[in-house]
Amino acid sequence: MNKKIIAGLLTAFLTGFFIYLCKCGLEDNA
C-alpha cells in the first residue's frame, strides 16, 4: 500500500477515536 494511504487511514481512525472519547466524556460529565 501507499504510505499516504496508510497515513490517511491512521489519521482518520485516530481523529474518529478522539472525537468518540470526547463525546463519551461530555456525556459522562453532564
C-alpha atoms as a PDB file:
ATOM      1  CA  MET A   1       0.000   0.000   0.000  1.00  0.00           C
ATOM      2  CA  ASN A   2       0.988   3.614  -0.449  1.00  0.00           C
ATOM      3  CA  LYS A   3       2.380   5.399   2.609  1.00  0.00           C
ATOM      4  CA  LYS A   4      -0.012   8.303   2.035  1.00  0.00           C
ATOM      5  CA  ILE A   5      -2.983   5.924   2.117  1.00  0.00           C
ATOM      6  CA  ILE A   6      -1.770   4.330   5.357  1.00  0.00           C
ATOM      7  CA  ALA A   7      -1.162   7.749   6.919  1.00  0.00           C
ATOM      8  CA  GLY A   8      -4.612   8.922   5.851  1.00  0.00           C
ATOM      9  CA  LEU A   9      -6.360   5.875   7.302  1.00  0.00           C
ATOM     10  CA  LEU A  10      -4.400   6.143  10.547  1.00  0.00           C
ATOM     11  CA  THR A  11      -5.177   9.851  10.870  1.00  0.00           C
ATOM     12  CA  ALA A  12      -8.886   9.288  10.194  1.00  0.00           C
ATOM     13  CA  PHE A  13      -9.002   6.447  12.736  1.00  0.00           C
ATOM     14  CA  LEU A  14      -7.254   8.449  15.473  1.00  0.00           C
ATOM     15  CA  THR A  15      -9.426  11.501  14.790  1.00  0.00           C
ATOM     16  CA  GLY A  16     -12.640   9.474  14.957  1.00  0.00           C
ATOM     17  CA  PHE A  17     -11.457   7.691  18.117  1.00  0.00           C
ATOM     18  CA  PHE A  18     -10.574  11.031  19.772  1.00  0.00           C
ATOM     19  CA  ILE A  19     -13.999  12.512  18.895  1.00  0.00           C
ATOM     20  CA  TYR A  20     -15.663   9.349  20.238  1.00  0.00           C
ATOM     21  CA  LEU A  21     -13.814   9.707  23.567  1.00  0.00           C
ATOM     22  CA  CYS A  22     -14.703  13.412  23.779  1.00  0.00           C
ATOM     23  CA  LYS A  23     -18.408  12.712  23.188  1.00  0.00           C
ATOM     24  CA  CYS A  24     -18.422   9.981  25.845  1.00  0.00           C
ATOM     25  CA  GLY A  25     -16.576  12.272  28.270  1.00  0.00           C
ATOM     26  CA  LEU A  26     -19.030  15.127  27.721  1.00  0.00           C
ATOM     27  CA  GLU A  27     -21.987  12.789  28.290  1.00  0.00           C
ATOM     28  CA  ASP A  28     -20.435  11.435  31.491  1.00  0.00           C
ATOM     29  CA  ASN A  29     -19.755  14.944  32.812  1.00  0.00           C
ATOM     30  CA  ALA A  30     -23.318  16.019  32.012  1.00  0.00           C
END
